[in-house]
């Protein structure tokens, strides 16, 4: 049986806002006043076998201008083989931040490289056009978000599924999901929509971010959360849709990737 390498990042953070990126694509962004720890899959950010990059930024808590003296970030990457069961293979790319002490630091950032071997090659943002940080691209990205919002709010779930086809194909390919597992992902999301989750207008304070070595764009709130938020008024629950966009070659319209 062919091995199915499954890469996960195991991290913990406290008293900071932070962002961890694989190949300049954000896999986690959070504002943590207390402490948090978990692990997340990162295969979807590994587009093909070969050399990969992992990088991070440690930032002041929202509303602060310098990094808290108790700020800390730790992480490592764990490799599993999931072809038959969850079998741990190795751990690497360990990082632990140094004590901040009394330094008035606005940001701590570093990165390193590692090799990954995967049985797939994703056609994603690497073939897109370089995005400029200008008003034209910002306006087009806002329109792309608004289009997604309108599809969800008017119940055009078929249209929504079409918009995220490329993203879902890459997700299912990199995570080795069966067709039924892939269909279930979308069905569960649409059930949330049907059960009262409605999208909010894009926050005007959302920040335009460029990732993917210049080929991915996202809107994020000041606290690092996705700019696309849904709220269920009855249950008071929130749902974040972490989606990203790129400009295909020869096109001036952002598409979900």
Protein backbone atom coordinates (compact mmCIF):
# COMPACT_ATOMS: atom_id res chain seq x y z
CA UNK A 1 0.00 0.00 0.00
CA UNK A 2 1.28 3.48 -0.89
CA UNK A 3 2.23 5.56 2.12
CA UNK A 4 0.08 8.59 2.86
CA UNK A 5 2.28 11.11 4.69
CA UNK A 6 0.22 13.33 6.97
CA UNK A 7 1.99 16.40 8.34
CA UNK A 8 0.72 18.19 11.43
CA UNK A 9 1.91 21.20 13.37
CA UNK A 10 1.78 20.85 17.15
CA UNK A 11 1.87 24.26 18.83
CA UNK A 12 1.25 26.17 22.04
CA UNK A 13 1.13 29.92 22.58
CA UNK A 14 0.45 32.38 25.37
CA UNK A 15 0.06 36.14 25.84
CA UNK A 16 0.52 37.13 22.20
CA UNK A 17 -0.93 37.41 18.76
CA UNK A 18 0.84 35.01 16.44
CA UNK A 19 0.81 33.59 12.95
CA UNK A 20 2.43 30.42 11.61
CA UNK A 21 2.92 29.97 7.88
CA UNK A 22 3.85 27.00 5.71
CA UNK A 23 5.27 28.09 2.36
CA UNK A 24 4.12 31.64 3.18
CA UNK A 25 0.53 30.42 3.58
CA UNK A 26 -1.09 30.94 7.01
CA UNK A 27 -2.10 27.73 8.76
CA UNK A 28 -2.97 29.39 12.08
CA UNK A 29 -3.45 32.99 13.26
CA UNK A 30 -4.67 33.82 16.76
CA UNK A 31 -4.81 36.51 19.42
CA UNK A 32 -4.21 34.62 22.69
CA UNK A 33 -4.57 36.51 25.96
CA UNK A 34 -4.27 33.33 28.02
CA UNK A 35 -2.86 30.10 26.67
CA UNK A 36 -3.75 27.73 23.84
CA UNK A 37 -2.32 24.49 22.51
CA UNK A 38 -3.43 22.07 19.82
CA UNK A 39 -2.28 20.42 16.60
CA UNK A 40 -3.48 21.00 13.06
CA UNK A 41 -2.97 19.31 9.67
CA UNK A 42 -0.85 21.27 7.19
CA UNK A 43 -0.81 19.07 4.08
CA UNK A 44 -2.96 21.53 2.15
CA UNK A 45 -0.14 24.10 2.35
CA UNK A 46 2.41 21.58 1.01
CA UNK A 47 1.79 21.77 -2.73
CA UNK A 48 4.33 19.15 -3.81
CA UNK A 49 7.32 17.15 -2.64
CA UNK A 50 10.57 18.96 -1.98
CA UNK A 51 11.84 21.79 0.16
CA UNK A 52 9.23 23.63 2.24
CA UNK A 53 9.39 26.66 4.51
CA UNK A 54 7.91 27.24 7.94
CA UNK A 55 7.87 30.74 9.41
CA UNK A 56 6.11 32.64 12.16
CA UNK A 57 5.43 36.07 13.61
CA UNK A 58 4.88 36.85 17.29
CA UNK A 59 3.06 40.17 17.69
CA UNK A 60 1.68 42.29 20.54
CA UNK A 61 -1.76 41.43 21.83
CA UNK A 62 -4.56 43.32 20.12
CA UNK A 63 -4.52 46.91 21.34
CA UNK A 64 -0.94 46.75 22.63
CA UNK A 65 2.19 48.21 21.02
CA UNK A 66 4.84 45.85 22.37
CA UNK A 67 5.04 42.13 22.98
CA UNK A 68 3.99 40.99 26.45
CA UNK A 69 6.85 39.86 28.68
CA UNK A 70 5.08 36.50 29.16
CA UNK A 71 4.56 35.92 25.44
CA UNK A 72 5.61 32.48 24.27
CA UNK A 73 5.30 30.35 21.15
CA UNK A 74 6.37 26.73 20.72
CA UNK A 75 5.80 24.34 17.86
CA UNK A 76 7.09 21.36 15.93
CA UNK A 77 5.99 19.36 12.90
CA UNK A 78 4.97 15.74 13.30
CA UNK A 79 4.80 13.27 10.42
CA UNK A 80 2.36 10.38 10.42
CA UNK A 81 1.59 7.65 7.91
CA UNK A 82 -2.20 7.35 7.59
CA UNK A 83 -2.34 4.75 4.82
CA UNK A 84 -3.58 2.11 7.25
CA UNK A 85 -3.74 3.77 10.64
CA UNK A 86 -2.32 6.87 12.37
CA UNK A 87 1.33 5.79 12.64
CA UNK A 88 3.81 8.32 14.00
CA UNK A 89 7.01 8.51 11.91
CA UNK A 90 9.09 11.47 13.06
CA UNK A 91 9.19 14.95 14.58
CA UNK A 92 11.19 17.93 13.31
CA UNK A 93 11.35 21.74 12.78
CA UNK A 94 11.12 22.40 16.53
CA UNK A 95 10.91 26.02 17.68
CA UNK A 96 10.64 27.66 21.11
CA UNK A 97 10.69 31.41 21.57
CA UNK A 98 13.22 33.04 23.87
CA UNK A 99 12.01 34.87 27.00
CA UNK A 100 10.88 38.39 26.08
CA UNK A 101 11.89 39.88 29.45
CA UNK A 102 11.60 43.70 29.39
CA UNK A 103 12.34 44.28 25.72
CA UNK A 104 9.86 46.57 23.94
CA UNK A 105 9.59 44.45 20.82
CA UNK A 106 6.94 45.09 18.13
CA UNK A 107 7.49 41.73 16.41
CA UNK A 108 9.51 38.52 16.66
CA UNK A 109 9.88 36.58 13.42
CA UNK A 110 11.97 33.75 12.06
CA UNK A 111 11.75 30.73 9.81
CA UNK A 112 13.42 27.57 8.61
CA UNK A 113 13.21 24.99 5.86
CA UNK A 114 12.30 21.32 5.85
CA UNK A 115 11.77 18.59 3.30
CA UNK A 116 8.45 16.89 2.69
CA UNK A 117 7.52 13.95 0.50
CA UNK A 118 3.91 13.71 -0.65
CA UNK A 119 2.22 11.55 -3.33
CA UNK A 120 0.36 14.47 -4.91
CA UNK A 121 0.98 17.79 -6.65
CA UNK A 122 -1.59 20.51 -6.12
CA UNK A 123 -2.43 23.07 -8.79
CA UNK A 124 -3.04 26.07 -6.58
CA UNK A 125 -1.91 29.66 -6.21
CA UNK A 126 1.62 28.97 -7.49
CA UNK A 127 0.30 29.45 -11.04
CA UNK A 128 -1.47 32.70 -10.23
CA UNK A 129 -0.62 36.33 -10.96
CA UNK A 130 1.34 38.42 -8.47
CA UNK A 131 -1.09 40.55 -6.44
CA UNK A 132 -0.40 44.21 -5.76
CA UNK A 133 -1.19 45.94 -2.50
CA UNK A 134 -3.21 48.69 -4.13
CA UNK A 135 -6.76 50.03 -4.08
CA UNK A 136 -7.68 48.20 -7.30
CA UNK A 137 -6.84 44.76 -5.92
CA UNK A 138 -8.39 45.58 -2.52
CA UNK A 139 -11.65 46.56 -4.18
CA UNK A 140 -11.70 43.40 -6.30
CA UNK A 141 -11.05 41.23 -3.25
CA UNK A 142 -13.93 42.89 -1.37
CA UNK A 143 -16.17 42.13 -4.35
CA UNK A 144 -15.06 38.48 -4.30
CA UNK A 145 -15.94 38.19 -0.60
CA UNK A 146 -19.27 39.91 -1.17
CA UNK A 147 -20.10 37.46 -3.96
CA UNK A 148 -19.54 34.52 -1.59
CA UNK A 149 -21.62 36.23 1.11
CA UNK A 150 -24.51 36.82 -1.28
CA UNK A 151 -24.52 33.19 -2.47
CA UNK A 152 -24.74 31.91 1.12
CA UNK A 153 -27.35 34.40 2.29
CA UNK A 154 -29.71 33.81 -0.63
CA UNK A 155 -29.39 30.03 -0.28
CA UNK A 156 -27.60 29.40 -3.58
CA UNK A 157 -25.59 26.50 -2.20
CA UNK A 158 -24.90 25.05 -5.65
CA UNK A 159 -23.32 28.35 -6.65
CA UNK A 160 -21.33 28.38 -3.42
CA UNK A 161 -20.05 24.85 -4.04
CA UNK A 162 -18.92 25.83 -7.55
CA UNK A 163 -16.98 28.76 -6.12
CA UNK A 164 -14.99 26.55 -3.74
CA UNK A 165 -14.48 23.59 -6.13
CA UNK A 166 -10.73 24.13 -6.63
CA UNK A 167 -10.15 24.65 -2.91
CA UNK A 168 -12.07 21.52 -1.94
CA UNK A 169 -10.33 19.42 -4.60
CA UNK A 170 -6.94 20.39 -3.18
CA UNK A 171 -8.12 19.82 0.38
CA UNK A 172 -9.44 16.33 -0.35
CA UNK A 173 -6.38 15.40 -2.42
CA UNK A 174 -3.89 16.51 0.22
CA UNK A 175 -5.85 14.96 3.10
CA UNK A 176 -6.52 11.66 1.24
CA UNK A 177 -10.28 11.95 1.68
CA UNK A 178 -12.70 9.67 -0.13
CA UNK A 179 -15.49 11.14 -2.23
CA UNK A 180 -17.99 10.44 0.52
CA UNK A 181 -15.76 12.14 3.10
CA UNK A 182 -15.32 15.10 0.77
CA UNK A 183 -19.06 15.35 0.15
CA UNK A 184 -19.69 15.17 3.89
CA UNK A 185 -17.43 18.19 4.52
CA UNK A 186 -19.56 20.35 2.22
CA UNK A 187 -22.86 18.88 3.41
CA UNK A 188 -22.05 19.70 7.03
CA UNK A 189 -21.15 23.27 6.11
CA UNK A 190 -24.34 23.74 4.10
CA UNK A 191 -26.36 22.28 7.00
CA UNK A 192 -24.91 25.03 9.19
CA UNK A 193 -26.06 27.60 6.63
CA UNK A 194 -29.56 26.08 6.56
CA UNK A 195 -29.72 25.94 10.36
CA UNK A 196 -29.42 29.68 10.85
CA UNK A 197 -25.82 30.73 10.21
CA UNK A 198 -25.87 33.97 8.21
CA UNK A 199 -22.85 35.88 6.97
CA UNK A 200 -22.04 39.31 8.27
CA UNK A 201 -20.94 42.10 5.92
CA UNK A 202 -17.16 42.27 5.60
CA UNK A 203 -15.81 44.39 8.43
CA UNK A 204 -14.58 47.69 7.01
CA UNK A 205 -11.61 47.44 9.36
CA UNK A 206 -10.54 44.10 7.87
CA UNK A 207 -6.93 44.11 6.69
CA UNK A 208 -5.85 43.17 3.18
CA UNK A 209 -3.14 40.48 3.45
CA UNK A 210 -0.96 39.05 0.69
CA UNK A 211 0.55 35.58 1.15
CA UNK A 212 1.78 32.69 -0.99
CA UNK A 213 4.90 34.61 -2.07
CA UNK A 214 2.69 37.34 -3.51
CA UNK A 215 -0.02 35.19 -5.09
CA UNK A 216 -2.67 34.75 -2.37
CA UNK A 217 -4.97 37.40 -0.89
CA UNK A 218 -7.15 37.33 2.23
CA UNK A 219 -9.11 39.73 4.39
CA UNK A 220 -8.53 39.35 8.11
CA UNK A 221 -9.88 41.07 11.18
CA UNK A 222 -7.56 42.99 13.47
CA UNK A 223 -7.37 39.95 15.77
CA UNK A 224 -6.16 37.70 12.94
CA UNK A 225 -9.48 35.91 12.39
CA UNK A 226 -10.96 35.41 8.94
CA UNK A 227 -12.79 38.36 7.42
CA UNK A 228 -15.69 36.04 6.54
CA UNK A 229 -17.84 35.47 9.63
CA UNK A 230 -21.22 33.81 10.05
CA UNK A 231 -23.46 34.23 13.08
CA UNK A 232 -26.40 32.15 14.29
CA UNK A 233 -28.71 34.63 16.00
CA UNK A 234 -30.61 31.91 17.87
CA UNK A 235 -27.61 30.13 19.36
CA UNK A 236 -25.28 33.16 19.40
CA UNK A 237 -22.58 30.99 17.81
CA UNK A 238 -20.00 32.26 15.34
CA UNK A 239 -18.48 30.40 12.40
CA UNK A 240 -15.35 31.54 10.56
CA UNK A 241 -14.78 30.56 6.93
CA UNK A 242 -11.05 30.54 6.29
CA UNK A 243 -10.94 31.04 2.55
CA UNK A 244 -8.26 32.56 0.36
CA UNK A 245 -8.23 33.95 -3.15
CA UNK A 246 -5.86 34.17 -6.11
CA UNK A 247 -5.80 35.66 -9.59
CA UNK A 248 -5.55 32.96 -12.28
CA UNK A 249 -3.23 33.75 -15.18
CA UNK A 250 -5.01 36.01 -17.69
CA UNK A 251 -7.82 36.91 -15.30
CA UNK A 252 -8.49 40.04 -13.25
CA UNK A 253 -11.13 38.40 -11.04
CA UNK A 254 -10.26 36.78 -7.74
CA UNK A 255 -11.16 33.12 -7.34
CA UNK A 256 -11.23 30.94 -4.22
CA UNK A 257 -8.24 28.62 -3.84
